[in-house]
Protein backbone atom coordinates (compact mmCIF):
# COMPACT_ATOMS: atom_id res chain seq x y z
CA MET A 1 -46.75 -50.56 33.84
CA LYS A 2 -45.49 -48.56 30.58
CA LEU A 3 -44.33 -44.90 31.04
CA PHE A 4 -45.63 -43.83 27.91
CA LEU A 5 -44.46 -40.01 25.53
CA PHE A 6 -42.97 -38.66 28.11
CA ILE A 7 -43.17 -34.70 27.37
CA THR A 8 -42.85 -32.12 30.14
CA LEU A 9 -45.51 -28.88 28.91
CA LEU A 10 -48.34 -28.77 26.55
CA LEU A 11 -49.90 -25.25 24.97
CA LEU A 12 -53.05 -26.16 23.77
CA ALA A 13 -53.83 -21.70 21.74
CA ILE A 14 -51.26 -19.80 23.24
CA ASN A 15 -52.36 -17.00 22.17
CA GLY A 16 -56.17 -17.80 21.61
CA ILE A 17 -56.02 -18.01 17.82
CA GLY A 18 -58.41 -17.70 16.19
CA GLU A 19 -60.47 -20.05 13.45
CA ASN A 20 -62.14 -17.06 10.85
CA TYR A 21 -61.36 -17.82 7.38
CA LEU A 22 -61.38 -15.49 3.92
CA LEU A 23 -63.49 -17.39 1.02
CA ASN A 24 -62.63 -16.39 -2.81
CA GLY A 25 -64.30 -18.26 -5.65
CA GLY A 26 -67.94 -19.92 -5.95
CA GLN A 27 -69.64 -22.80 -6.89
CA ASN A 28 -72.12 -23.67 -9.33
CA SER A 29 -74.30 -26.64 -10.16
CA THR A 30 -76.94 -28.17 -11.63
CA ILE A 31 -79.36 -30.72 -9.24
CA LYS A 32 -82.02 -33.24 -9.66
CA TYR A 33 -83.88 -33.41 -6.25
CA LYS A 34 -86.41 -35.45 -5.65
CA LEU A 35 -87.95 -36.37 -2.29
CA ILE A 36 -89.77 -39.54 -1.98
CA GLN A 37 -92.58 -40.11 0.25
CA LYS A 38 -94.02 -43.77 1.62
CA VAL A 39 -97.51 -43.48 3.76
CA GLU A 40 -99.03 -47.05 5.08
CA PRO A 41 -102.21 -46.17 7.28
CA GLU A 42 -104.09 -48.76 9.16
CA ASP A 43 -107.47 -49.20 9.76
CA GLY A 44 -109.14 -46.68 11.14
CA ILE A 45 -107.96 -44.28 9.26
CA ILE A 46 -110.91 -41.15 8.46
CA THR A 47 -108.25 -38.99 6.75
CA VAL A 48 -104.62 -37.96 5.87
CA ASP A 49 -103.59 -34.80 4.47
CA LEU A 50 -100.28 -34.08 3.76
CA THR A 51 -98.70 -30.31 3.11
CA TYR A 52 -95.65 -29.09 0.92
CA VAL A 53 -94.54 -25.78 0.50
CA ILE A 54 -93.38 -25.16 -3.15
CA PRO A 55 -89.50 -24.07 -3.10
CA GLU A 56 -88.93 -20.74 -5.36
CA SER A 57 -86.24 -19.37 -7.06
CA PHE A 58 -84.14 -17.08 -4.82
CA ASN A 59 -81.28 -14.68 -5.15
CA SER A 60 -78.87 -12.49 -3.05
CA LYS A 61 -75.29 -11.45 -3.21
CA THR A 62 -73.94 -14.82 -2.84
CA TYR A 63 -76.24 -17.93 -2.84
CA ASN A 64 -79.14 -17.88 -5.86
CA GLN A 65 -81.25 -21.02 -6.23
CA GLN A 66 -82.94 -21.26 -9.79
CA ILE A 67 -85.69 -23.76 -9.53
CA LYS A 68 -86.97 -25.31 -12.66
CA ASN A 69 -89.15 -27.99 -13.89
CA PHE A 70 -91.53 -28.70 -9.91
CA ASP A 71 -93.03 -31.69 -10.07
CA ILE A 72 -95.45 -33.78 -7.22
CA SER A 73 -97.02 -37.21 -8.34
CA PHE A 74 -98.89 -39.39 -6.00
CA SER A 75 -99.23 -43.82 -6.85
CA LEU A 76 -102.87 -42.48 -5.16
CA LYS A 77 -105.09 -39.70 -6.57
CA PRO A 78 -105.57 -37.21 -3.45
CA ALA A 79 -109.70 -36.31 -2.54
CA ASN A 80 -108.54 -32.74 -1.68
CA LYS A 81 -105.99 -29.99 -2.85
CA LYS A 82 -105.93 -26.85 -1.15
CA GLU A 83 -103.21 -23.92 -2.42
CA TRP A 84 -102.52 -20.78 -0.56
CA ILE A 85 -99.99 -18.30 -0.21
CA ASP A 86 -98.97 -17.87 4.00
CA LYS A 87 -98.31 -14.33 5.64
CA ARG A 88 -94.33 -15.11 5.09
CA GLY A 89 -94.98 -15.22 1.28
CA ASN A 90 -94.63 -19.19 1.04
CA LYS A 91 -96.88 -20.83 -1.58
CA ILE A 92 -98.48 -23.29 0.10
CA GLN A 93 -100.02 -27.05 -1.32
CA ARG A 94 -101.94 -29.54 0.73
CA TYR A 95 -103.65 -33.10 -0.14
CA SER A 96 -106.19 -34.50 1.16
CA TRP A 97 -106.82 -38.58 1.30
CA ASN A 98 -110.21 -40.12 2.12
CA SER A 99 -110.32 -43.13 4.01
CA PRO A 100 -107.24 -44.62 2.34
CA SER A 101 -107.36 -48.80 2.25
CA ALA A 102 -103.73 -48.81 1.10
CA SER A 103 -100.92 -47.77 1.06
CA PHE A 104 -99.16 -45.29 -1.10
CA ASP A 105 -96.58 -42.83 -2.66
CA ILE A 106 -95.65 -39.55 -2.87
CA SER A 107 -92.68 -38.16 -5.55
CA ILE A 108 -91.59 -34.45 -5.86
CA SER A 109 -89.08 -33.69 -7.94
CA PHE A 110 -87.35 -30.80 -9.25
CA GLU A 111 -84.37 -29.24 -10.75
CA THR A 112 -82.48 -26.76 -9.25
CA THR A 113 -78.71 -24.21 -10.37
CA ASN A 114 -77.29 -23.48 -7.44
CA SER A 115 -74.58 -21.00 -7.52
CA VAL A 116 -72.24 -19.57 -4.70
CA LYS A 117 -70.54 -16.05 -6.27
CA LEU A 118 -68.17 -15.49 -3.48
CA ASP A 119 -66.66 -11.87 -4.46
CA PRO A 120 -66.29 -9.34 -1.91
CA VAL A 121 -69.12 -7.67 -0.25
CA LYS A 122 -69.08 -4.43 0.52
CA THR A 123 -71.73 -2.71 3.53
CA GLN A 124 -71.66 0.33 4.88
CA ALA A 125 -75.68 -0.08 6.70
CA PRO A 126 -75.03 1.22 9.97
CA PHE A 127 -75.64 0.39 13.38
CA PRO A 128 -78.01 0.43 15.16
CA LEU A 129 -80.51 0.32 12.49
CA THR A 130 -82.85 2.46 11.44
CA ASN A 131 -85.81 3.32 9.06
CA ILE A 132 -86.66 -0.05 8.58
CA SER A 133 -89.58 -1.65 6.12
CA PRO A 134 -92.78 -2.80 8.51
CA GLU A 135 -93.15 -5.32 5.76
CA ASN A 136 -89.13 -6.63 7.75
CA LYS A 137 -90.29 -5.03 11.25
CA ASN A 138 -92.10 -8.08 11.14
CA TYR A 139 -89.15 -9.94 11.48
CA LEU A 140 -88.11 -8.21 15.30
CA LYS A 141 -90.50 -9.87 16.45
CA SER A 142 -90.09 -11.97 20.24
CA THR A 143 -91.88 -15.23 19.77
CA GLU A 144 -91.23 -18.57 22.06
CA MET A 145 -88.81 -20.38 20.07
CA VAL A 146 -86.68 -16.40 19.19
CA PRO A 147 -87.18 -14.63 22.93
CA SER A 148 -85.61 -11.98 21.59
CA ASN A 149 -87.44 -9.57 24.61
CA ASN A 150 -85.51 -12.39 27.29
CA PRO A 151 -83.48 -9.83 29.77
CA GLN A 152 -80.88 -11.76 29.59
CA ILE A 153 -80.61 -12.59 25.85
CA LYS A 154 -81.43 -8.29 25.60
CA ASN A 155 -78.38 -7.86 27.64
CA LYS A 156 -75.51 -10.06 26.37
CA ALA A 157 -76.88 -8.81 22.60
CA GLN A 158 -76.33 -5.83 24.77
CA GLU A 159 -72.70 -6.06 25.89
CA ILE A 160 -71.25 -8.11 22.84
CA THR A 161 -72.08 -5.26 20.62
CA LYS A 162 -71.80 -1.78 22.66
CA ASN A 163 -69.42 -0.44 20.83
CA ALA A 164 -70.26 -2.18 17.26
CA LYS A 165 -70.82 1.54 14.47
CA THR A 166 -71.90 -1.46 11.81
CA GLU A 167 -74.29 -3.48 11.29
CA PHE A 168 -72.21 -6.22 10.00
CA ASP A 169 -69.93 -5.60 13.07
CA ALA A 170 -72.73 -6.11 15.44
CA VAL A 171 -73.95 -9.75 13.28
CA GLN A 172 -70.40 -10.99 13.19
CA LYS A 173 -69.46 -10.08 16.81
CA ILE A 174 -73.18 -12.03 17.43
CA LEU A 175 -71.94 -14.93 15.25
CA SER A 176 -68.86 -15.45 17.03
CA PHE A 177 -70.40 -15.08 19.76
CA VAL A 178 -73.05 -18.69 19.17
CA ILE A 179 -70.64 -20.58 16.92
CA ASP A 180 -68.39 -20.38 20.34
CA HIS A 181 -70.86 -20.30 22.58
CA MET A 182 -72.72 -23.95 21.22
CA TYR A 183 -71.57 -26.90 20.49
CA TYR A 184 -73.77 -28.91 18.15
CA VAL A 185 -76.03 -32.03 19.21
CA LEU A 186 -78.35 -33.54 17.76
CA LYS A 187 -81.07 -34.80 19.51
CA PRO A 188 -81.39 -31.81 22.36
CA GLU A 189 -84.08 -31.64 25.26
CA GLU A 190 -85.54 -28.25 23.34
CA TYR A 191 -85.12 -25.75 20.47
CA ASP A 192 -85.53 -23.08 21.94
CA ALA A 193 -83.05 -19.68 21.96
CA PHE A 194 -82.84 -19.65 25.82
CA TYR A 195 -82.41 -23.35 26.28
CA SER A 196 -79.45 -22.48 23.90
CA PHE A 197 -78.17 -19.40 26.07
CA GLN A 198 -78.38 -21.26 28.83
CA THR A 199 -77.00 -24.39 27.92
CA GLY A 200 -75.04 -24.20 25.17
CA LYS A 201 -76.01 -26.68 23.14
CA GLY A 202 -78.40 -27.66 19.61
CA ASN A 203 -78.73 -28.33 16.77
CA CYS A 204 -79.22 -26.29 13.57
CA GLN A 205 -82.80 -25.16 15.21
CA ASN A 206 -81.23 -24.15 17.79
CA TYR A 207 -78.52 -22.48 16.51
CA SER A 208 -80.55 -20.67 14.37
CA HIS A 209 -82.92 -19.51 16.96
CA LEU A 210 -80.13 -18.21 19.45
CA ALA A 211 -78.24 -15.97 16.49
CA ALA A 212 -81.21 -14.82 15.77
CA ALA A 213 -82.98 -13.86 19.11
CA LEU A 214 -79.51 -11.56 20.46
CA MET A 215 -79.85 -10.08 16.55
CA ARG A 216 -83.20 -9.10 16.78
CA SER A 217 -82.67 -7.86 20.16
CA VAL A 218 -80.64 -4.96 18.76
CA ASN A 219 -83.09 -4.80 16.41
CA ILE A 220 -81.50 -6.51 13.49
CA PRO A 221 -83.90 -8.38 11.54
CA VAL A 222 -83.85 -12.05 11.25
CA ARG A 223 -85.62 -14.66 9.27
CA ILE A 224 -85.79 -18.07 9.87
CA VAL A 225 -85.19 -20.69 6.24
CA ASN A 226 -85.60 -24.20 6.84
CA GLY A 227 -84.85 -26.68 3.61
CA VAL A 228 -82.19 -29.17 2.59
CA THR A 229 -79.04 -30.18 2.73
CA LEU A 230 -77.18 -32.72 0.17
CA LYS A 231 -74.97 -35.23 0.96
CA LYS A 232 -71.96 -34.21 -1.53
CA PRO A 233 -68.99 -32.79 -0.08
CA PHE A 234 -66.57 -30.60 -1.55
CA ASP A 235 -63.13 -29.14 -0.98
CA VAL A 236 -62.20 -25.78 -0.11
CA ILE A 237 -58.23 -25.22 -0.36
CA ILE A 238 -55.88 -23.59 2.00
CA GLY A 239 -52.51 -23.35 1.24
CA ASP A 240 -51.05 -27.04 0.72
CA GLN A 241 -54.11 -28.17 2.29
CA THR A 242 -57.57 -29.60 1.88
CA LEU A 243 -60.91 -29.31 3.79
CA THR A 244 -63.36 -31.38 2.92
CA LEU A 245 -67.46 -29.53 3.67
CA ASN A 246 -70.39 -32.27 3.74
CA MET A 247 -73.61 -32.45 5.40
CA ALA A 248 -75.59 -35.08 6.09
CA GLU A 249 -78.57 -35.46 3.12
CA GLY A 250 -81.87 -33.72 5.20
CA ARG A 251 -83.48 -30.85 6.43
CA HIS A 252 -81.77 -28.45 7.41
CA SER A 253 -82.84 -24.50 9.20
CA TRP A 254 -80.05 -21.25 8.77
CA ILE A 255 -81.26 -17.71 8.90
CA GLU A 256 -80.94 -14.90 6.52
CA VAL A 257 -79.92 -11.82 7.78
CA TYR A 258 -81.70 -8.51 6.00
CA PHE A 259 -78.61 -5.59 5.31
CA PRO A 260 -80.31 -2.43 3.94
CA ASP A 261 -77.75 -1.63 1.10
CA LEU A 262 -77.02 -5.41 0.70
CA GLY A 263 -80.97 -7.57 1.16
CA TRP A 264 -81.25 -10.88 3.10
CA MET A 265 -78.06 -12.28 3.07
CA PRO A 266 -78.27 -16.15 4.15
CA PHE A 267 -76.02 -17.32 7.08
CA ASP A 268 -76.09 -20.67 8.52
CA PRO A 269 -74.58 -20.00 12.23
CA GLN A 270 -73.15 -23.29 12.74
CA GLN A 271 -70.50 -22.52 10.75
CA SER A 272 -71.39 -19.59 7.53
CA GLU A 273 -71.78 -16.02 7.21
CA LEU A 274 -73.14 -14.06 4.76
CA PHE A 275 -73.37 -17.04 2.68
CA VAL A 276 -74.31 -20.85 2.11
CA SER A 277 -73.26 -23.15 0.14
CA ASN A 278 -74.84 -24.81 -2.88
CA ARG A 279 -75.23 -27.96 -1.24
CA PHE A 280 -78.88 -25.98 0.29
CA ILE A 281 -82.00 -26.07 -1.30
CA ARG A 282 -84.17 -23.02 0.60
CA ILE A 283 -87.31 -23.84 0.43
CA GLU A 284 -89.93 -22.17 3.45
CA VAL A 285 -89.29 -19.41 5.57
CA GLY A 286 -91.11 -17.61 8.67
CA LEU A 287 -90.01 -16.15 12.35
CA ASP A 288 -89.33 -19.30 13.37
CA ASN A 289 -88.91 -22.95 13.43
CA GLU A 290 -92.38 -22.97 14.48
CA GLU A 291 -94.40 -21.11 12.04
CA THR A 292 -92.07 -22.80 9.65
CA THR A 293 -93.97 -26.43 9.86
CA ASN A 294 -96.43 -26.66 6.14
CA ASP A 295 -93.69 -28.60 4.17
CA GLY A 296 -93.87 -31.97 5.59
CA LEU A 297 -96.87 -31.55 7.63
CA VAL A 298 -98.45 -35.01 7.71
CA HIS A 299 -102.08 -35.38 9.69
CA TRP A 300 -104.47 -37.11 9.83
CA THR A 301 -107.56 -38.60 11.56
CA ARG A 302 -109.34 -41.62 12.75
CA THR A 303 -112.22 -42.92 14.58
CA LYS A 304 -113.10 -42.69 18.10
CA GLY A 305 -111.67 -45.11 20.27
CA SER A 306 -108.94 -46.18 18.10
CA ASN A 307 -105.38 -46.60 17.73
CA ALA A 308 -105.21 -46.57 14.10
CA MET A 309 -101.08 -44.79 13.63
CA LEU A 310 -99.92 -44.05 10.34
CA SER A 311 -96.20 -45.41 8.92
CA PHE A 312 -94.74 -42.49 7.46
CA GLN A 313 -91.28 -42.87 4.86
CA GLU A 314 -89.04 -40.24 3.85
CA PHE A 315 -86.09 -39.90 1.09
CA ILE A 316 -84.05 -38.12 -0.73
CA GLU A 317 -82.67 -38.84 -4.08
CA SER A 318 -80.37 -36.29 -5.56
CA SER A 319 -77.77 -36.12 -8.95
CA PHE A 320 -75.54 -33.45 -9.30
CA THR A 321 -76.05 -33.41 -13.32
CA SER A 322 -72.81 -30.63 -13.37
CA ASP A 323 -70.78 -29.74 -10.36
CA ASN A 324 -68.32 -27.39 -10.67
CA ILE A 325 -66.19 -26.16 -7.19
CA ASN A 326 -63.25 -23.35 -7.01
CA LEU A 327 -62.84 -22.41 -3.39
CA ARG A 328 -60.04 -20.78 -1.68
CA ALA A 329 -59.06 -19.49 1.79
CA GLU A 330 -57.01 -17.45 3.98
CA LYS A 331 -57.09 -18.33 7.77
CA MET A 332 -57.08 -14.75 9.61
CA GLN A 333 -55.52 -14.74 13.07
CA TYR A 334 -58.82 -13.51 14.60
CA GLY A 335 -62.62 -14.72 14.69
CA PRO A 336 -64.32 -17.54 16.55
CA SER A 337 -62.31 -20.60 18.40
CA LYS A 338 -64.20 -22.67 15.91
CA LEU A 339 -64.61 -22.88 12.04
CA LEU A 340 -66.37 -19.23 10.32
CA LEU A 341 -66.01 -19.20 6.74
CA VAL A 342 -66.73 -15.48 5.30
CA PRO A 343 -66.54 -14.39 1.99
CA LYS A 344 -64.44 -11.30 2.13
CA VAL A 345 -66.62 -8.03 3.85
CA LEU A 346 -65.89 -4.37 2.89
CA ALA A 347 -67.41 -2.28 5.84
CA ASN A 348 -65.89 -0.40 9.32
CA TYR A 349 -66.22 -3.86 11.65
CA VAL A 350 -63.22 -4.62 14.72
CA PRO A 351 -62.24 -8.64 14.30
CA VAL A 352 -63.06 -10.05 16.86
CA LYS A 353 -60.32 -11.15 18.91
CA LEU A 354 -59.53 -14.76 21.34
CA PRO A 355 -58.09 -14.67 25.48
CA GLU A 356 -55.72 -17.00 25.67
CA VAL A 357 -55.58 -19.77 26.88
CA LYS A 358 -54.33 -20.95 30.10
CA LYS A 359 -51.18 -23.58 29.98
CA VAL A 360 -51.33 -27.37 30.87
CA LYS A 361 -49.76 -28.00 34.15
CA GLU A 362 -46.01 -29.05 34.12
CA PHE A 363 -45.47 -32.74 34.80
CA SER A 364 -41.71 -34.61 35.61
CA PRO A 365 -41.52 -38.33 35.16
CA GLN A 366 -40.77 -38.13 39.31
CA GLU A 367 -44.27 -36.68 39.58
CA LEU A 368 -46.13 -39.06 37.39
CA PHE A 369 -44.30 -42.25 38.95
CA LYS A 370 -45.52 -40.84 42.06
CA LEU A 371 -49.51 -40.00 41.09
CA LYS A 372 -52.00 -42.80 42.07
CA PHE A 373 -54.45 -43.22 38.68
CA ASN A 374 -57.80 -44.42 40.39
CA LYS A 375 -60.05 -41.60 39.50
CA PRO A 376 -62.47 -42.64 36.32
CA PHE A 377 -62.10 -40.89 33.65
CA ILE A 378 -64.17 -40.45 30.21
CA TYR A 379 -63.17 -38.32 27.61
CA GLY A 380 -64.48 -37.61 23.98
CA ASN A 381 -67.37 -36.24 22.18
CA LEU A 382 -70.25 -37.97 23.39
CA ASP A 383 -73.14 -37.32 22.64
CA PHE A 384 -75.29 -38.63 19.62
CA PRO A 385 -78.99 -40.02 19.00
CA GLU A 386 -77.37 -43.83 20.75
CA GLY A 387 -80.00 -46.25 18.59
CA VAL A 388 -82.42 -44.22 16.76
CA ASN A 389 -84.10 -45.06 13.36
CA PHE A 390 -83.25 -42.68 11.09
CA ILE A 391 -86.64 -44.08 8.81
CA PHE A 392 -88.79 -44.16 11.21
CA SER A 393 -87.49 -40.70 13.18
CA ARG A 394 -90.55 -39.10 13.48
CA GLU A 395 -92.28 -38.50 16.82
CA LEU A 396 -96.29 -37.77 17.23
CA ASP A 397 -96.35 -33.91 17.85
CA ASN A 398 -100.21 -33.86 19.66
CA LYS A 399 -99.65 -36.89 21.27
CA ASP A 400 -102.67 -35.60 23.90
CA ASN A 401 -105.57 -35.81 21.15
CA ALA A 402 -106.99 -38.96 20.47
CA ASP A 403 -108.30 -38.59 17.30
CA SER A 404 -106.33 -36.39 15.67
CA GLN A 405 -102.69 -37.30 14.96
CA GLN A 406 -99.65 -35.32 13.11
CA LEU A 407 -96.11 -35.54 12.26
CA LYS A 408 -94.21 -32.10 11.83
CA LYS A 409 -90.70 -32.42 10.04
CA ASN A 410 -87.77 -33.52 12.09
CA PHE A 411 -83.60 -32.42 12.07
CA LEU A 412 -82.69 -35.43 12.92
CA VAL A 413 -80.69 -36.49 10.26
CA GLU A 414 -77.97 -39.58 10.61
CA THR A 415 -74.33 -37.74 9.85
CA ALA A 416 -72.34 -40.20 9.55
CA GLU A 417 -68.90 -42.05 6.90
CA TYR A 418 -68.46 -45.41 5.35
CA VAL A 419 -65.39 -46.12 6.82
CA THR A 420 -64.48 -49.67 5.85
CA SER A 421 -63.70 -48.01 2.15
CA LYS A 422 -60.82 -47.31 0.05
CA LEU A 423 -60.22 -44.36 1.97
CA GLN A 424 -58.37 -44.00 5.66
CA TYR A 425 -59.61 -41.62 8.45
CA ALA A 426 -58.08 -40.20 12.04
CA GLN A 427 -59.65 -38.92 14.61
CA THR A 428 -57.74 -36.28 17.44
CA PHE A 429 -58.03 -36.12 20.89
CA ILE A 430 -56.32 -34.00 23.35
CA LEU A 431 -55.46 -34.41 26.46
CA ASP A 432 -54.61 -31.99 29.55
CA ARG A 433 -53.45 -34.79 32.01
CA PRO A 434 -52.21 -38.08 32.48
CA VAL A 435 -54.64 -40.75 31.70
CA LYS A 436 -54.30 -44.60 32.12
CA LEU A 437 -55.49 -46.16 29.21
CA GLN A 438 -58.45 -48.56 29.21
CA LYS A 439 -60.36 -48.41 26.16
CA ILE A 440 -61.21 -45.85 23.48
CA GLY A 441 -64.82 -46.25 22.08
CA ILE A 442 -66.37 -45.23 18.43
CA ALA A 443 -69.62 -44.95 17.29
CA LEU A 444 -70.69 -47.31 15.04
CA ASN A 445 -73.34 -48.88 13.21
CA LYS A 446 -73.03 -52.23 11.13
CA PHE A 447 -74.50 -52.82 8.28
CA GLY A 448 -73.26 -55.90 7.13
CA GLY A 449 -69.72 -58.06 5.80
CA SER A 450 -67.36 -60.19 7.57
CA GLY A 451 -63.73 -59.85 8.43
CA THR A 452 -61.99 -58.00 12.02
CA MET A 453 -61.72 -54.53 13.04
CA TRP A 454 -59.23 -52.47 15.52
CA LEU A 455 -57.80 -49.15 16.83
CA GLU A 456 -54.85 -47.85 15.97
CA LEU A 457 -53.46 -44.44 18.16
CA TYR A 458 -50.92 -42.75 16.88
CA GLU A 459 -48.38 -39.76 18.50
CA ASP A 460 -48.68 -36.49 16.66
CA ASN A 461 -46.56 -35.29 14.75
CA ASN A 462 -47.09 -31.48 13.95
CA GLY A 463 -51.02 -31.59 13.64
CA ARG A 464 -51.12 -34.45 11.93
CA PRO A 465 -51.06 -38.48 12.93
CA GLY A 466 -47.46 -39.20 13.96
CA SER A 467 -45.84 -42.78 14.42
CA LEU A 468 -48.24 -45.68 15.45
CA ALA A 469 -48.19 -46.03 19.17
CA ALA A 470 -50.42 -49.14 20.01
CA SER A 471 -53.22 -51.27 18.87
CA SER A 472 -56.11 -52.12 20.34
CA LYS A 473 -57.76 -56.00 20.73
CA ALA A 474 -59.48 -56.82 17.25
CA LEU A 475 -63.19 -57.38 16.72
CA ASP A 476 -64.80 -59.77 15.08
CA LEU A 477 -67.61 -58.52 12.87
CA LYS A 478 -69.98 -61.06 13.74
CA ASN A 479 -69.98 -60.39 17.69
CA ILE A 480 -70.77 -56.69 16.89
CA SER A 481 -74.75 -56.42 17.51
CA SER A 482 -76.58 -55.73 13.42
CA LYS A 483 -79.27 -54.06 15.01
CA GLN A 484 -81.19 -50.74 13.44
CA GLY A 485 -78.80 -47.21 15.05
CA TYR A 486 -75.25 -46.67 16.17
CA PHE A 487 -73.50 -47.77 19.32
CA TRP A 488 -70.35 -47.46 21.03
CA GLU A 489 -68.36 -50.09 20.30
CA GLU A 490 -65.51 -50.45 23.05
CA PHE A 491 -61.72 -51.31 21.83
CA ASP A 492 -59.58 -52.68 24.49
CA PHE A 493 -56.51 -50.77 24.79
CA VAL A 494 -55.58 -52.82 28.65
CA ILE A 495 -53.12 -55.43 27.65
CA GLN A 496 -51.16 -52.12 26.33
CA GLU A 497 -50.31 -50.32 29.73
CA LEU A 498 -50.39 -47.37 28.69
CA LEU A 499 -49.66 -44.27 30.54
CA LEU A 500 -50.80 -41.26 28.63
CA THR A 501 -48.93 -38.10 29.06
CA PRO A 502 -50.90 -34.41 28.48
CA ASP A 503 -50.93 -33.97 24.42
CA ARG A 504 -52.29 -34.55 21.34
CA TYR A 505 -53.17 -37.87 20.36
CA TRP A 506 -54.96 -40.10 16.84
CA ILE A 507 -56.86 -42.90 16.74
CA SER A 508 -57.65 -44.25 13.35
CA LEU A 509 -60.06 -47.64 12.49
CA LYS A 510 -58.05 -50.46 10.39
CA PHE A 511 -60.01 -53.98 9.24
CA ASN A 512 -59.00 -56.54 6.98
CA GLY A 513 -62.44 -58.95 5.37
CA SER A 514 -64.76 -57.04 4.01
CA PRO A 515 -67.08 -55.28 7.19
CA ILE A 516 -69.41 -52.18 5.87
CA VAL A 517 -69.40 -50.08 9.28
CA ASN A 518 -70.87 -46.15 9.31
CA TRP A 519 -69.15 -44.28 12.05
CA PHE A 520 -70.98 -41.50 13.75
CA TYR A 521 -69.21 -37.61 13.43
CA SER A 522 -70.82 -34.61 15.00
CA TYR A 523 -71.57 -30.89 12.48
CA GLY A 524 -68.43 -29.05 13.36
CA LYS A 525 -65.89 -29.23 16.04
CA PRO A 526 -67.92 -30.23 19.24
CA VAL A 527 -64.41 -30.86 21.40
CA GLY A 528 -60.83 -31.07 19.14
CA PRO A 529 -60.00 -28.45 17.08
CA ILE A 530 -61.31 -28.35 13.63
CA ASP A 531 -57.93 -29.99 11.46
CA GLY A 532 -59.00 -32.70 13.98
CA THR A 533 -60.08 -34.88 11.36
CA ARG A 534 -57.88 -36.34 8.73
CA TYR A 535 -58.50 -38.55 5.83
CA LYS A 536 -56.11 -40.05 3.02
CA SER A 537 -56.46 -43.27 0.50
CA PHE A 538 -54.51 -46.04 2.08
CA SER A 539 -51.40 -45.38 0.27
CA GLU A 540 -50.84 -42.12 0.85
CA ASN A 541 -48.48 -41.55 3.75
CA ASP A 542 -49.34 -37.61 3.84
CA TRP A 543 -52.34 -36.30 6.04
CA SER A 544 -53.02 -32.70 4.22
CA LYS A 545 -56.89 -33.35 3.95
CA SER A 546 -58.93 -32.63 6.75
CA LEU A 547 -62.96 -32.63 7.33
CA GLY A 548 -65.20 -30.32 8.17
CA TYR A 549 -66.84 -32.01 10.97
CA GLU A 550 -65.63 -34.93 14.53
CA PHE A 551 -66.17 -38.52 14.98
CA ASN A 552 -67.91 -38.95 17.92
CA TYR A 553 -65.37 -40.88 20.47
CA ARG A 554 -65.00 -42.21 23.72
CA VAL A 555 -61.55 -42.54 25.52
CA VAL A 556 -61.71 -44.15 28.70
CA GLY A 557 -59.30 -45.34 31.98
CA LEU A 558 -58.13 -43.82 35.41
CA THR A 559 -56.62 -40.25 36.07
CA PHE A 560 -55.36 -39.03 39.47
CA GLU A 561 -57.47 -37.81 41.82
């Protein structure tokens, strides 16, 4: 056995330093947006109804969108149209078709100027809040998805905010808890706040519901926002480094919090406070994601006893006719352990401090030689929707009603990076125990091409990939399935007989030929540190650019009992 990289001690985060980043600067972009829907009805369908919420302009202290030139067109003229404004102020249109005999398309388009301006935000709102208007009190209600009257949620919120004197102090304490308590999974079992509270996992709906439940339980009005995010990366300059942030192109859920002296302020409970980026397009608001269901609702009826189904696809196309970005950040020595982006806030508050992290056990070379490595070991960012076809990802919402069917929008988006291009990507992993390495798997989807791929394993050099330690066996692309969806592809390191001691390591996918492959990633950092996903061009030596997400990977081997 080869003994690799002896060290005696690893300190993961001795002082518990947070990952709170103060942002300044802004974004200003003009965006052309188009949503294309394709509907294919089977024989036996009587009616088809499609519902939309018309996006409106919105202004806040930090985020603004100005909508114009909204248009909706159909390849098959609908039989009926109904319009109304719901009790949350959403403008809704529903179109109906009677016994459509052929497939048809819908195209929704508009132009929006989206801007973010991150000047210091000043608020003197007290905590607890008083004199809340009846309209805003609606957003204190407890619902099935946002059970703010749940005793456990209420007790936790009161514990978190017990010393808060201002609303911002209470909000930043709650949001720091949510960010560190949760880790992102794209397809959770449930979406309500109590499930999120119990399990600590979920997607954007879970983050939004849990943040709303905790805040509402201490009398802070919160509304759920539904919209879309656009796949257009942007950079934040942090000293001599660059953090690149990116969202998938698809539907997203976030929140707005009411401040008496600021109005409604947007938050993305996954990573931002008092603002969202201008890659967000705001469409619909409500008490929870069970109420904000009108935009994208698909409903059909069929003849009695029929199993007629409706095939439905949805695509977003966006182009930026202008895009001006000037964002800089300064890291603070407080905050959650996961990424939180926030403008400077002028308010009375006590910054959240993290507890100290325990030291990793020391191993001398003599101790390592005596260990018996016979216990299976699997570690990594393991949760992703394996084998999902994202084009047809919606599920029936009312399966028990045989004659009436509907599809609600979902938030299942394809978060993946094209990794066989002109850029090289590296993902870190940190071991807290010795491991005899066998394989490393990564979540890939092969779209085509030819050639071979392999993984390279690197030592760590001050938080960046360092010296090459080993290379896996190569995989021929023709031996990788082209079936729809993402699956684990395992890269074999057995022949290397590597014993990895507790430390930080990096993996990078290398290739020759012309493979066309995407690597799936999770929003945020479910497992690793903030700077744990990096990229550079193949001609560069410096890994100074990091990404705001984490690739899905798994390290497989043997450890000791």
